[in-house]
Protein backbone atom coordinates (compact mmCIF):
# COMPACT_ATOMS: atom_id res chain seq x y z
CA UNK A 1 160.18 84.52 125.67
CA UNK A 2 158.54 87.89 126.84
CA UNK A 3 156.59 88.71 130.18
CA UNK A 4 154.08 91.30 128.97
CA UNK A 5 151.21 88.72 129.19
CA UNK A 6 150.81 85.40 131.38
CA UNK A 7 149.20 83.32 128.98
CA UNK A 8 148.65 83.31 125.06
CA UNK A 9 145.39 81.70 124.49
CA UNK A 10 145.52 79.54 121.25
CA UNK A 11 142.20 78.33 119.49
CA UNK A 12 140.69 77.63 116.34
CA UNK A 13 138.27 80.42 115.11
CA UNK A 14 135.18 77.79 115.55
CA UNK A 15 136.17 77.63 119.21
CA UNK A 16 136.31 81.39 119.57
CA UNK A 17 133.23 81.81 121.86
CA UNK A 18 134.74 79.14 124.24
CA UNK A 19 138.20 80.91 124.22
CA UNK A 20 136.76 84.22 125.07
CA UNK A 21 134.89 82.72 127.84
CA UNK A 22 138.19 81.19 129.09
CA UNK A 23 140.02 84.28 128.70
CA UNK A 24 137.46 86.34 130.50
CA UNK A 25 137.69 83.86 133.53
CA UNK A 26 141.57 83.79 133.75
CA UNK A 27 141.48 87.58 133.45
CA UNK A 28 139.07 87.86 136.27
CA UNK A 29 141.53 85.76 138.28
CA UNK A 30 144.17 88.26 137.71
CA UNK A 31 146.00 86.40 134.80
CA UNK A 32 146.74 88.55 131.79
CA UNK A 33 145.97 87.04 128.52
CA UNK A 34 146.76 87.65 124.88
CA UNK A 35 144.13 86.53 122.58
CA UNK A 36 143.25 87.08 118.92
CA UNK A 37 141.51 89.08 117.37
CA UNK A 38 141.13 91.24 120.61
CA UNK A 39 144.97 92.20 120.96
CA UNK A 40 145.52 92.59 117.36
CA UNK A 41 145.90 96.16 116.52
CA UNK A 42 143.81 97.58 113.41
CA UNK A 43 145.92 97.42 110.32
CA UNK A 44 148.41 95.09 111.79
CA UNK A 45 149.46 91.94 109.96
CA UNK A 46 147.79 88.97 111.54
CA UNK A 47 150.71 86.59 111.48
CA UNK A 48 153.11 89.22 112.57
CA UNK A 49 150.72 89.97 115.61
CA UNK A 50 150.58 86.30 116.56
CA UNK A 51 154.32 85.84 116.53
CA UNK A 52 154.48 88.95 118.82
CA UNK A 53 151.78 87.74 120.96
CA UNK A 54 153.60 84.35 121.42
CA UNK A 55 156.75 86.10 122.29
CA UNK A 56 155.34 88.39 124.93
CA UNK A 57 153.66 85.62 126.67
CA UNK A 58 155.00 83.10 129.28
CA UNK A 59 152.70 80.23 128.77
CA UNK A 60 150.11 78.95 126.10
CA UNK A 61 146.61 77.81 126.87
CA UNK A 62 145.34 75.66 124.04
CA UNK A 63 141.62 75.38 123.59
CA UNK A 64 141.75 71.75 122.15
CA UNK A 65 139.06 70.29 120.27
CA UNK A 66 138.33 68.54 116.81
CA UNK A 67 138.45 72.15 115.20
CA UNK A 68 141.91 72.63 116.79
CA UNK A 69 142.96 69.48 115.31
CA UNK A 70 142.06 70.50 111.84
CA UNK A 71 143.59 74.28 112.26
CA UNK A 72 146.80 74.88 110.62
CA UNK A 73 146.85 78.22 112.55
CA UNK A 74 146.78 76.33 115.76
CA UNK A 75 149.42 73.96 114.87
CA UNK A 76 151.70 76.74 113.74
CA UNK A 77 151.10 78.47 117.11
CA UNK A 78 151.87 75.36 119.12
CA UNK A 79 155.08 74.88 117.26
CA UNK A 80 156.02 78.48 117.76
CA UNK A 81 155.31 77.99 121.43
CA UNK A 82 157.38 74.82 121.64
CA UNK A 83 160.25 76.47 119.85
CA UNK A 84 160.15 79.36 122.42
CA UNK A 85 159.98 76.59 125.35
CA UNK A 86 156.78 77.85 126.48
CA UNK A 87 154.65 75.65 128.89
CA UNK A 88 151.71 74.48 126.90
CA UNK A 89 148.54 73.76 128.83
CA UNK A 90 145.73 71.91 126.61
CA UNK A 91 142.20 72.63 127.75
CA UNK A 92 140.28 69.84 126.23
CA UNK A 93 136.68 70.76 125.25
CA UNK A 94 135.85 67.51 123.29
CA UNK A 95 136.63 63.98 123.99
CA UNK A 96 139.24 63.63 121.05
CA UNK A 97 142.97 63.06 120.97
CA UNK A 98 145.63 65.15 119.04
CA UNK A 99 146.65 64.00 115.58
CA UNK A 100 149.45 64.82 113.24
CA UNK A 101 151.69 67.68 114.19
CA UNK A 102 149.63 68.51 117.58
CA UNK A 103 150.21 64.71 118.50
CA UNK A 104 153.88 65.24 118.16
CA UNK A 105 153.93 68.50 120.35
CA UNK A 106 151.38 67.59 122.84
CA UNK A 107 152.07 63.65 123.22
CA UNK A 108 153.76 64.09 126.81
CA UNK A 109 151.87 67.19 128.02
CA UNK A 110 149.57 67.05 131.06
CA UNK A 111 146.03 67.92 129.90
CA UNK A 112 142.97 69.73 131.61
CA UNK A 113 139.51 68.34 130.81
CA UNK A 114 136.62 70.58 130.62
CA UNK A 115 134.20 67.78 129.75
CA UNK A 116 130.63 67.14 130.91
CA UNK A 117 129.61 66.41 133.47
CA UNK A 118 131.78 68.53 135.41
CA UNK A 119 133.23 71.18 133.08
CA UNK A 120 132.97 73.91 136.02
CA UNK A 121 135.85 72.19 137.62
CA UNK A 122 138.52 73.12 134.71
CA UNK A 123 138.68 76.81 134.96
CA UNK A 124 139.78 77.32 138.55
CA UNK A 125 142.21 74.50 138.17
CA UNK A 126 143.60 76.20 134.98
CA UNK A 127 143.96 79.48 136.71
CA UNK A 128 145.81 77.59 139.42
CA UNK A 129 147.92 75.91 137.23
CA UNK A 130 149.14 78.96 135.37
CA UNK A 131 149.67 80.77 138.69
CA UNK A 132 152.00 77.87 140.08
CA UNK A 133 153.77 77.86 136.71
CA UNK A 134 154.63 81.39 136.78
CA UNK A 135 154.79 81.67 140.71
CA UNK A 136 152.10 84.42 140.75
CA UNK A 137 150.68 85.45 143.86
CA UNK A 138 147.60 83.71 145.28
CA UNK A 139 144.32 84.27 143.62
CA UNK A 140 142.64 87.46 144.39
CA UNK A 141 139.15 87.61 146.07
CA UNK A 142 136.11 87.44 143.57
CA UNK A 143 134.30 85.08 141.37
CA UNK A 144 135.54 83.74 138.19
CA UNK A 145 132.77 84.65 135.88
CA UNK A 146 133.04 84.20 131.92
CA UNK A 147 131.24 86.66 129.83
CA UNK A 148 127.87 85.29 128.20
CA UNK A 149 128.32 83.57 124.73
CA UNK A 150 126.57 84.38 121.50
CA UNK A 151 123.95 82.13 120.17
CA UNK A 152 124.11 80.00 117.04
CA UNK A 153 126.90 77.69 116.61
CA UNK A 154 129.11 79.51 118.91
CA UNK A 155 126.82 79.84 121.75
CA UNK A 156 125.51 76.49 121.59
CA UNK A 157 129.10 74.80 121.48
CA UNK A 158 130.25 77.13 124.45
CA UNK A 159 127.39 76.84 126.50
CA UNK A 160 127.75 73.02 126.41
CA UNK A 161 131.27 73.22 127.54
CA UNK A 162 131.52 76.25 129.64
CA UNK A 163 128.17 77.81 130.22
CA UNK A 164 128.11 75.90 133.63
CA UNK A 165 131.03 77.99 134.82
CA UNK A 166 128.62 81.02 135.20
CA UNK A 167 127.78 79.45 138.50
CA UNK A 168 131.26 79.47 139.99
CA UNK A 169 131.85 80.98 143.35
CA UNK A 170 130.84 84.34 144.63
CA UNK A 171 128.30 85.84 142.57
CA UNK A 172 126.15 86.29 139.31
CA UNK A 173 126.61 88.15 135.98
CA UNK A 174 126.65 91.95 136.55
CA UNK A 175 123.15 92.57 135.07
CA UNK A 176 120.90 95.22 136.49
CA UNK A 177 117.19 95.66 136.92
CA UNK A 178 114.54 95.84 134.69
CA UNK A 179 114.82 99.35 133.05
CA UNK A 180 111.25 100.63 133.14
CA UNK A 181 108.96 99.67 135.84
CA UNK A 182 110.22 96.90 137.80
CA UNK A 183 112.37 97.57 140.94
CA UNK A 184 115.60 95.97 141.81
CA UNK A 185 114.67 92.66 143.42
CA UNK A 186 115.61 92.77 147.28
CA UNK A 187 118.69 90.91 148.14
CA UNK A 188 118.21 87.29 148.85
CA UNK A 189 120.04 85.16 151.53
CA UNK A 190 123.29 83.43 150.59
CA UNK A 191 121.88 80.05 150.90
CA UNK A 192 119.08 80.90 148.24
CA UNK A 193 121.81 82.39 146.00
CA UNK A 194 123.68 79.09 146.18
CA UNK A 195 120.64 77.19 145.49
CA UNK A 196 120.06 79.26 142.31
CA UNK A 197 123.34 78.82 141.11
CA UNK A 198 123.07 75.11 141.67
CA UNK A 199 119.92 74.92 139.55
CA UNK A 200 121.54 77.06 136.71
CA UNK A 201 124.71 74.86 136.76
CA UNK A 202 122.45 71.51 136.50
CA UNK A 203 120.31 73.15 133.85
CA UNK A 204 123.21 73.93 131.46
CA UNK A 205 124.67 70.65 132.07
CA UNK A 206 121.39 68.92 131.17
CA UNK A 207 121.36 71.08 127.91
CA UNK A 208 124.66 70.08 127.00
CA UNK A 209 123.30 66.33 127.26
CA UNK A 210 120.18 67.39 125.15
CA UNK A 211 117.91 67.01 128.05
CA UNK A 212 116.31 70.02 127.23
CA UNK A 213 113.02 69.80 129.11
CA UNK A 214 114.87 68.69 132.25
CA UNK A 215 117.25 71.64 131.67
CA UNK A 216 114.28 73.95 131.28
CA UNK A 217 112.87 73.00 134.72
CA UNK A 218 116.12 73.53 136.48
CA UNK A 219 116.72 77.01 134.68
CA UNK A 220 113.05 77.91 135.65
CA UNK A 221 113.66 77.06 139.39
CA UNK A 222 116.69 79.35 139.40
CA UNK A 223 114.43 81.94 138.22
CA UNK A 224 111.81 81.37 140.71
CA UNK A 225 114.43 81.38 143.50
CA UNK A 226 115.93 84.80 142.23
CA UNK A 227 113.72 86.86 139.86
CA UNK A 228 116.58 89.07 138.91
CA UNK A 229 119.01 86.11 138.01
CA UNK A 230 119.81 87.19 134.28
CA UNK A 231 121.91 84.49 133.71
CA UNK A 232 119.31 81.90 134.00
CA UNK A 233 116.91 84.05 131.72
CA UNK A 234 119.80 84.28 129.07
CA UNK A 235 120.45 80.63 129.19
CA UNK A 236 116.72 79.70 128.92
CA UNK A 237 116.48 81.90 125.82
CA UNK A 238 119.03 80.25 124.09
CA UNK A 239 117.58 76.85 124.94
CA UNK A 240 114.09 78.08 123.76
CA UNK A 241 116.01 79.02 120.49
CA UNK A 242 117.42 75.33 120.23
CA UNK A 243 113.84 74.12 120.48
CA UNK A 244 112.40 76.33 117.97
CA UNK A 245 110.14 77.81 120.72
CA UNK A 246 110.79 81.58 119.46
CA UNK A 247 108.10 83.31 121.43
CA UNK A 248 109.35 81.83 124.67
CA UNK A 249 113.05 82.89 123.77
CA UNK A 250 111.96 86.41 122.79
CA UNK A 251 110.51 86.95 126.32
CA UNK A 252 113.52 85.69 127.94
CA UNK A 253 116.02 87.53 125.79
CA UNK A 254 114.01 90.57 126.00
CA UNK A 255 114.20 90.22 129.75
CA UNK A 256 117.72 89.94 129.78
CA UNK A 257 118.25 92.89 127.33
CA UNK A 258 116.22 95.14 129.77
CA UNK A 259 118.55 93.98 132.73
CA UNK A 260 121.45 95.11 130.79
CA UNK A 261 120.84 96.97 127.80
CA UNK A 262 124.87 97.44 127.12
CA UNK A 263 125.37 93.64 126.85
CA UNK A 264 126.41 92.66 123.41
CA UNK A 265 125.86 89.11 123.61
CA UNK A 266 122.19 89.36 124.45
CA UNK A 267 121.78 91.92 121.49
CA UNK A 268 123.55 89.21 119.14
CA UNK A 269 121.31 86.54 120.32
CA UNK A 270 118.19 88.81 119.73
CA UNK A 271 119.47 89.45 116.26
CA UNK A 272 119.75 85.69 115.51
CA UNK A 273 116.29 85.16 117.00
CA UNK A 274 114.74 87.97 114.64
CA UNK A 275 116.54 86.15 111.72
CA UNK A 276 115.18 83.06 112.61
CA UNK A 277 111.72 84.57 112.51
CA UNK A 278 112.38 86.24 109.24
CA UNK A 279 112.29 89.67 110.75
CA UNK A 280 115.31 91.33 109.10
CA UNK A 281 114.55 94.93 110.24
CA UNK A 282 114.63 94.04 113.85
CA UNK A 283 117.44 91.73 113.41
CA UNK A 284 119.68 94.08 111.89
CA UNK A 285 118.74 96.68 114.58
CA UNK A 286 119.72 94.28 117.10
CA UNK A 287 122.91 93.14 115.47
CA UNK A 288 123.80 96.75 115.09
CA UNK A 289 123.56 97.26 118.81
CA UNK A 290 125.71 94.22 119.45
CA UNK A 291 128.35 95.67 117.30
CA UNK A 292 127.99 99.09 118.97
CA UNK A 293 128.61 97.39 122.29
CA UNK A 294 131.90 95.64 121.01
CA UNK A 295 130.64 92.29 119.64
CA UNK A 296 133.75 91.18 117.64
CA UNK A 297 133.26 87.58 116.72
CA UNK A 298 133.18 88.44 113.14
CA UNK A 299 133.51 84.93 111.70
CA UNK A 300 130.20 84.27 113.21
CA UNK A 301 128.61 87.20 111.42
CA UNK A 302 129.51 85.41 108.21
CA UNK A 303 129.00 81.91 109.14
CA UNK A 304 126.42 81.45 111.88
CA UNK A 305 123.39 79.85 110.08
CA UNK A 306 120.91 81.29 112.34
CA UNK A 307 121.84 84.84 110.62
CA UNK A 308 121.35 83.68 107.17
CA UNK A 309 118.10 85.56 106.67
CA UNK A 310 119.84 88.84 107.76
CA UNK A 311 122.90 88.17 105.52
CA UNK A 312 120.37 87.93 102.34
CA UNK A 313 119.12 91.47 103.19
CA UNK A 314 120.95 94.30 101.29
CA UNK A 315 121.51 96.42 104.32
CA UNK A 316 123.82 93.66 105.80
CA UNK A 317 126.78 94.46 104.08
CA UNK A 318 126.18 98.27 104.88
CA UNK A 319 125.90 97.39 108.33
CA UNK A 320 129.14 95.67 108.45
CA UNK A 321 130.77 98.55 106.51
CA UNK A 322 129.38 101.27 109.07
CA UNK A 323 130.91 99.32 111.92
CA UNK A 324 134.38 98.69 110.20
CA UNK A 325 133.98 94.97 110.17
CA UNK A 326 137.01 93.48 108.51
CA UNK A 327 136.39 91.81 105.27
CA UNK A 328 136.96 88.17 105.45
């Protein structure tokens, strides 16, 4: 068992957005992670890279869900980790139990739950457990802030499970001010920041419970407290997409784009929104921007139902080819 990485993150491709958020949070806490497809070199055979990744890692974090239960790749990875006598830490994002081979390997393993109503408690506990197992130094200062996630099936799933983690201690997403005429908002007092984060957390939790109007009220309160709180705009935009309130979604997502023009997930959200509105030219332009800025959930490009109108456009395969997106 190698020492190049602290944790190998095993996940089903359907849970990739959640896995990426967990990876971002752990790495913000100083825990080096190996995760596919990020750590697979171009041209490398996928199975060989997975084996090497496991051998170079000291623990395995399993994003456990019904999709993981059904994934042969996840079962293979867990078996390889078990054969190497790695400590496997399952992070359960659905209220399901392991079956088949996973039940054999995980039957006596202690779980961590990232389930509503308090998924926000899981990531700090996960980071603490990895540090304890590997005898790593105490957590470095600073927030654990996962990346925003894409819309469609990936975002809605991840938002229900991990979106609430955006409000964890010490700060907000690194968005900047509106890029044209609006100046940066004046810093607000720490109690007000804490209040805005609390409303964001409550809003995302309510959205995961499909209490959409109550969620909207909480997200709006967060924005009213801090008009530059981009996380609240982004979450409210995705919420509007879920409710098919596309005009409202566009306003919030364009605000998020203006706050950070380089954000690949906001660009992806806009691509999905334009696709739903049957505006393929704008959708393809936004999708190209997402790819330019590093969007790499290639499975979502081909399976997200919100992108169906874009996939029917003859320019879609050309866009993928220009950005060297691997063939499925």
